C-alpha atoms as a PDB file:
ATOM      1  CA  VAL A   1     111.831 108.111  94.539  1.00  0.00           C
ATOM      2  CA  GLN A   2     110.480 108.822  90.741  1.00  0.00           C
ATOM      3  CA  SER A   3     113.704 107.269  89.204  1.00  0.00           C
ATOM      4  CA  GLY A   4     113.568 104.111  91.387  1.00  0.00           C
ATOM      5  CA  ILE A   5     110.046 103.041  90.850  1.00  0.00           C
ATOM      6  CA  LYS A   6     110.480 103.801  87.039  1.00  0.00           C
ATOM      7  CA  ARG A   7     113.317 101.312  87.230  1.00  0.00           C
ATOM      8  CA  LEU A   8     111.795  98.969  89.363  1.00  0.00           C
ATOM      9  CA  SER A   9     108.692  98.914  86.949  1.00  0.00           C
ATOM     10  CA  GLY A  10     110.308  99.320  83.380  1.00  0.00           C
ATOM     11  CA  GLN A  11     108.152 102.212  82.433  1.00  0.00           C
ATOM     12  CA  VAL A  12     109.381 105.480  81.762  1.00  0.00           C
ATOM     13  CA  ASN A  13     106.304 107.286  83.114  1.00  0.00           C
ATOM     14  CA  THR A  14     106.214 107.598  86.559  1.00  0.00           C
ATOM     15  CA  ALA A  15     102.122 107.358  86.855  1.00  0.00           C
ATOM     16  CA  LEU A  16     102.212 104.183  84.498  1.00  0.00           C
ATOM     17  CA  ALA A  17     105.133 102.796  87.130  1.00  0.00           C
ATOM     18  CA  TRP A  18     103.049 103.516  90.109  1.00  0.00           C
ATOM     19  CA  ARG A  19     100.263 101.709  88.713  1.00  0.00           C
ATOM     20  CA  GLN A  20     101.994  98.181  88.161  1.00  0.00           C
ATOM     21  CA  PHE A  21     101.562  98.434  92.047  1.00  0.00           C
ATOM     22  CA  VAL A  22      98.529 100.052  92.785  1.00  0.00           C
ATOM     23  CA  SER A  23      95.577 101.840  91.475  1.00  0.00           C
ATOM     24  CA  THR A  24      94.369 105.329  91.991  1.00  0.00           C
ATOM     25  CA  ASN A  25      91.381 104.339  94.003  1.00  0.00           C
ATOM     26  CA  GLU A  26      93.325 101.991  96.370  1.00  0.00           C
ATOM     27  CA  VAL A  27      93.811 103.184 100.347  1.00  0.00           C
ATOM     28  CA  ILE A  28      97.448 103.099 100.227  1.00  0.00           C
ATOM     29  CA  GLY A  29      99.216 102.713 103.455  1.00  0.00           C
ATOM     30  CA  LEU A  30     103.188 103.821 103.938  1.00  0.00           C
ATOM     31  CA  LYS A  31     103.903 101.715 106.647  1.00  0.00           C
ATOM     32  CA  ILE A  32     106.915 103.480 108.565  1.00  0.00           C
ATOM     33  CA  ASN A  33     108.776 103.164 111.975  1.00  0.00           C
ATOM     34  CA  ALA A  34     107.890 106.274 113.896  1.00  0.00           C
ATOM     35  CA  GLN A  35     108.806 104.832 117.300  1.00  0.00           C
ATOM     36  CA  LEU A  36     112.385 105.081 116.594  1.00  0.00           C
ATOM     37  CA  GLY A  37     112.186 108.672 115.783  1.00  0.00           C
ATOM     38  CA  ILE A  38     113.589 110.460 112.715  1.00  0.00           C
ATOM     39  CA  LEU A  39     117.084 109.523 113.161  1.00  0.00           C
ATOM     40  CA  SER A  40     116.773 105.608 113.607  1.00  0.00           C
ATOM     41  CA  GLY A  41     113.466 105.177 112.242  1.00  0.00           C
ATOM     42  CA  THR A  42     112.142 105.554 108.618  1.00  0.00           C
ATOM     43  CA  ARG A  43     113.321 109.126 107.463  1.00  0.00           C
ATOM     44  CA  PRO A  44     110.579 111.781 106.734  1.00  0.00           C
ATOM     45  CA  ALA A  45     112.266 112.820 103.571  1.00  0.00           C
ATOM     46  CA  VAL A  46     111.535 109.640 102.119  1.00  0.00           C
ATOM     47  CA  VAL A  47     108.251 109.178 102.981  1.00  0.00           C
ATOM     48  CA  LYS A  48     107.354 112.956 101.924  1.00  0.00           C
ATOM     49  CA  ALA A  49     109.155 111.932  98.476  1.00  0.00           C
ATOM     50  CA  VAL A  50     106.943 108.649  98.244  1.00  0.00           C
ATOM     51  CA  ALA A  51     103.837 110.313  99.105  1.00  0.00           C
ATOM     52  CA  GLN A  52     104.267 113.309  96.812  1.00  0.00           C
ATOM     53  CA  SER A  53     105.425 110.797  93.952  1.00  0.00           C
ATOM     54  CA  LEU A  54     101.846 108.942  94.409  1.00  0.00           C
ATOM     55  CA  ILE A  55     100.214 112.341  94.398  1.00  0.00           C
ATOM     56  CA  SER A  56     101.725 113.370  91.174  1.00  0.00           C
ATOM     57  CA  ALA A  57     100.710 109.898  90.084  1.00  0.00           C
ATOM     58  CA  GLY A  58      96.990 110.626  90.302  1.00  0.00           C
ATOM     59  CA  VAL A  59      96.561 109.008  93.775  1.00  0.00           C
ATOM     60  CA  PRO A  60      93.985 111.278  95.583  1.00  0.00           C
ATOM     61  CA  PRO A  61      95.844 113.036  99.023  1.00  0.00           C
ATOM     62  CA  LYS A  62      92.889 111.653 100.929  1.00  0.00           C
ATOM     63  CA  ASN A  63      93.932 107.917  99.864  1.00  0.00           C
ATOM     64  CA  ILE A  64      97.397 107.973 101.337  1.00  0.00           C
ATOM     65  CA  VAL A  65      97.711 107.048 105.039  1.00  0.00           C
ATOM     66  CA  ILE A  66     101.173 107.063 107.030  1.00  0.00           C
ATOM     67  CA  TRP A  67     101.139 104.601 109.343  1.00  0.00           C
ATOM     68  CA  ASP A  68     102.888 102.863 112.402  1.00  0.00           C
ATOM     69  CA  ARG A  69     101.617 101.041 115.607  1.00  0.00           C
ATOM     70  CA  GLU A  70     100.698 103.846 117.431  1.00  0.00           C
ATOM     71  CA  LEU A  71      99.667 107.336 116.341  1.00  0.00           C
ATOM     72  CA  LYS A  72     101.353 109.104 119.350  1.00  0.00           C
ATOM     73  CA  ASP A  73     104.554 107.907 117.936  1.00  0.00           C
ATOM     74  CA  LEU A  74     103.848 109.374 114.311  1.00  0.00           C
ATOM     75  CA  LYS A  75     103.311 112.727 116.020  1.00  0.00           C
ATOM     76  CA  LEU A  76     106.418 112.712 118.167  1.00  0.00           C
ATOM     77  CA  ALA A  77     108.438 111.965 115.180  1.00  0.00           C
ATOM     78  CA  GLY A  78     106.554 115.034 113.494  1.00  0.00           C
ATOM     79  CA  TYR A  79     104.805 113.283 110.710  1.00  0.00           C
ATOM     80  CA  GLU A  80     101.517 115.499 111.544  1.00  0.00           C
ATOM     81  CA  ALA A  81     102.864 118.590 109.760  1.00  0.00           C
ATOM     82  CA  MET A  82     103.719 116.834 106.723  1.00  0.00           C
ATOM     83  CA  ALA A  83     100.384 115.088 106.493  1.00  0.00           C
ATOM     84  CA  ARG A  84      98.400 118.413 107.121  1.00  0.00           C
ATOM     85  CA  LYS A  85     100.791 119.900 104.423  1.00  0.00           C
ATOM     86  CA  LEU A  86     100.311 116.946 101.688  1.00  0.00           C
ATOM     87  CA  GLY A  87      96.528 116.413 102.638  1.00  0.00           C
ATOM     88  CA  ILE A  88      97.307 113.080 103.873  1.00  0.00           C
ATOM     89  CA  LYS A  89      96.271 110.969 106.894  1.00  0.00           C
ATOM     90  CA  LEU A  90      98.010 109.559 109.741  1.00  0.00           C
ATOM     91  CA  ALA A  91      96.734 106.210 111.571  1.00  0.00           C
ATOM     92  CA  GLY A  92      98.046 104.139 114.472  1.00  0.00           C
ATOM     93  CA  ALA A  93      96.977 100.557 113.790  1.00  0.00           C
ATOM     94  CA  ARG A  94      97.061 100.347 117.795  1.00  0.00           C
ATOM     95  CA  ASP A  95      94.750 103.108 117.823  1.00  0.00           C
ATOM     96  CA  SER A  96      92.470 101.759 115.266  1.00  0.00           C
ATOM     97  CA  GLY A  97      91.280  99.148 117.187  1.00  0.00           C
ATOM     98  CA  TYR A  98      91.524  95.232 116.462  1.00  0.00           C
ATOM     99  CA  SER A  99      88.991  92.980 114.570  1.00  0.00           C
ATOM    100  CA  GLN A 100      87.572  90.063 116.871  1.00  0.00           C
ATOM    101  CA  TRP A 101      87.423  88.047 113.696  1.00  0.00           C
ATOM    102  CA  ASP A 102      90.760  88.520 111.937  1.00  0.00           C
ATOM    103  CA  LYS A 103      92.824  86.593 114.268  1.00  0.00           C
ATOM    104  CA  TYR A 104      95.705  83.464 114.646  1.00  0.00           C
ATOM    105  CA  THR A 105      96.944  81.478 117.403  1.00  0.00           C
ATOM    106  CA  VAL A 106     100.699  80.624 118.433  1.00  0.00           C
ATOM    107  CA  PRO A 107     100.055  77.432 120.771  1.00  0.00           C
ATOM    108  CA  ALA A 108     103.764  77.376 121.925  1.00  0.00           C
ATOM    109  CA  LEU A 109     103.228  80.850 123.540  1.00  0.00           C
ATOM    110  CA  HIS A 110     101.438  83.237 125.880  1.00  0.00           C
ATOM    111  CA  TRP A 111     102.141  87.166 126.729  1.00  0.00           C
ATOM    112  CA  ASP A 112     100.721  89.479 129.016  1.00  0.00           C
ATOM    113  CA  LEU A 113      97.961  91.710 127.268  1.00  0.00           C
ATOM    114  CA  GLU A 114      98.451  95.138 127.752  1.00  0.00           C
ATOM    115  CA  GLU A 115      95.622  98.231 127.323  1.00  0.00           C
ATOM    116  CA  GLY A 116      94.771  98.367 123.808  1.00  0.00           C
ATOM    117  CA  ASP A 117      94.867  94.669 122.865  1.00  0.00           C
ATOM    118  CA  HIS A 118      91.532  93.192 121.764  1.00  0.00           C
ATOM    119  CA  LEU A 119      91.124  90.981 124.818  1.00  0.00           C
ATOM    120  CA  PHE A 120      92.837  92.889 127.281  1.00  0.00           C
ATOM    121  CA  GLY A 121      90.582  92.896 130.741  1.00  0.00           C
ATOM    122  CA  GLU A 122      89.001  89.882 129.738  1.00  0.00           C
ATOM    123  CA  LYS A 123      92.340  87.596 130.048  1.00  0.00           C
ATOM    124  CA  LYS A 124      95.714  88.025 131.627  1.00  0.00           C
ATOM    125  CA  THR A 125      97.691  86.470 129.078  1.00  0.00           C
ATOM    126  CA  SER A 126      96.801  84.794 125.588  1.00  0.00           C
ATOM    127  CA  ASN A 127      98.290  83.317 122.761  1.00  0.00           C
ATOM    128  CA  ILE A 128      95.950  84.869 120.449  1.00  0.00           C
ATOM    129  CA  SER A 129      96.733  87.769 118.289  1.00  0.00           C
ATOM    130  CA  HIS A 130      93.969  90.219 116.532  1.00  0.00           C
ATOM    131  CA  ILE A 131      94.787  91.971 113.288  1.00  0.00           C
ATOM    132  CA  SER A 132      94.241  95.701 113.338  1.00  0.00           C
ATOM    133  CA  LYS A 133      91.142  96.947 111.546  1.00  0.00           C
ATOM    134  CA  LEU A 134      93.308  99.351 109.809  1.00  0.00           C
ATOM    135  CA  ILE A 135      94.748  96.390 107.874  1.00  0.00           C
ATOM    136  CA  THR A 136      91.629  94.439 107.600  1.00  0.00           C
ATOM    137  CA  GLU A 137      89.104  97.520 107.009  1.00  0.00           C
ATOM    138  CA  ARG A 138      90.861 100.590 105.837  1.00  0.00           C
ATOM    139  CA  LEU A 139      93.685 100.014 103.600  1.00  0.00           C
ATOM    140  CA  SER A 140      94.080  98.284 100.393  1.00  0.00           C
ATOM    141  CA  ALA A 141      97.695  98.487  99.522  1.00  0.00           C
ATOM    142  CA  ILE A 142     100.903  98.878 101.879  1.00  0.00           C
ATOM    143  CA  ILE A 143     104.139 100.086 100.897  1.00  0.00           C
ATOM    144  CA  SER A 144     106.594  99.318 103.497  1.00  0.00           C
ATOM    145  CA  ILE A 145     109.461 102.549 103.779  1.00  0.00           C
ATOM    146  CA  HIS A 146     111.257 100.682 106.836  1.00  0.00           C
ATOM    147  CA  PRO A 147     115.373 101.023 107.655  1.00  0.00           C
ATOM    148  CA  PRO A 148     116.682  97.490 109.367  1.00  0.00           C
ATOM    149  CA  ILE A 149     116.809  97.801 113.106  1.00  0.00           C
ATOM    150  CA  ALA A 150     119.370  96.042 115.055  1.00  0.00           C
ATOM    151  CA  ASP A 151     117.350  93.246 117.316  1.00  0.00           C
ATOM    152  CA  ARG A 152     119.355  91.546 120.201  1.00  0.00           C
ATOM    153  CA  GLN A 153     117.590  88.490 119.846  1.00  0.00           C
ATOM    154  CA  SER A 154     117.485  87.809 115.913  1.00  0.00           C
ATOM    155  CA  GLY A 155     120.491  90.194 114.935  1.00  0.00           C
ATOM    156  CA  ALA A 156     118.284  92.453 112.582  1.00  0.00           C
ATOM    157  CA  ARG A 157     114.631  93.280 111.801  1.00  0.00           C
ATOM    158  CA  GLY A 158     112.926  94.467 108.722  1.00  0.00           C
ATOM    159  CA  HIS A 159     110.109  95.417 106.652  1.00  0.00           C
ATOM    160  CA  LEU A 160     108.249  91.941 107.104  1.00  0.00           C
ATOM    161  CA  GLN A 161     108.813  91.372 110.549  1.00  0.00           C
ATOM    162  CA  GLU A 162     108.033  94.952 111.618  1.00  0.00           C
ATOM    163  CA  LEU A 163     104.865  95.072 109.466  1.00  0.00           C
ATOM    164  CA  ALA A 164     103.442  92.287 111.384  1.00  0.00           C
ATOM    165  CA  LEU A 165     104.515  93.106 114.900  1.00  0.00           C
ATOM    166  CA  SER A 166     103.106  96.595 114.089  1.00  0.00           C
ATOM    167  CA  SER A 167      99.732  95.057 112.405  1.00  0.00           C
ATOM    168  CA  ALA A 168      98.525  92.598 115.532  1.00  0.00           C
ATOM    169  CA  ASP A 169      98.101  93.179 119.206  1.00  0.00           C
ATOM    170  CA  GLY A 170      99.608  91.090 122.296  1.00  0.00           C
ATOM    171  CA  ILE A 171     102.552  90.354 120.302  1.00  0.00           C
ATOM    172  CA  MET A 172     104.734  92.796 121.851  1.00  0.00           C
ATOM    173  CA  GLY A 173     103.838  92.466 125.608  1.00  0.00           C
END
């Protein structure tokens, strides 16, 4: 990780390399895929190396958040012990709640709402997705640490699709 960030930034110093992308006062979310577990999802060793590199570059551990769609998946995949040991935080986008103000509409689609979705209980279906408060109110930077995932419909899913699917409600119903 240290070598990669230096190479990407063109810096010889890891702290300076990270500061080209994030500042030490930002709350940095490490977006992973915990739902698939540690064998198919994001590898814990990679997440640990990124977190340790950020900490060594001066980012306070309290400003680092490992996150995915649901907190329970992070705990099941074993990230709770890592977070405790490093002094960093865990968060689930769904567990953080959804902003009523930050939303988008997909006119051509309607999906069944699930418990936890912002409009659940008010409507049965919706074409409105709300963005997690984790994204809109807590994090100021996101580093995606995500393996490619085979998908029956699209062939593969990667960083941007997983970031979008994990950040909003309603779209997985």
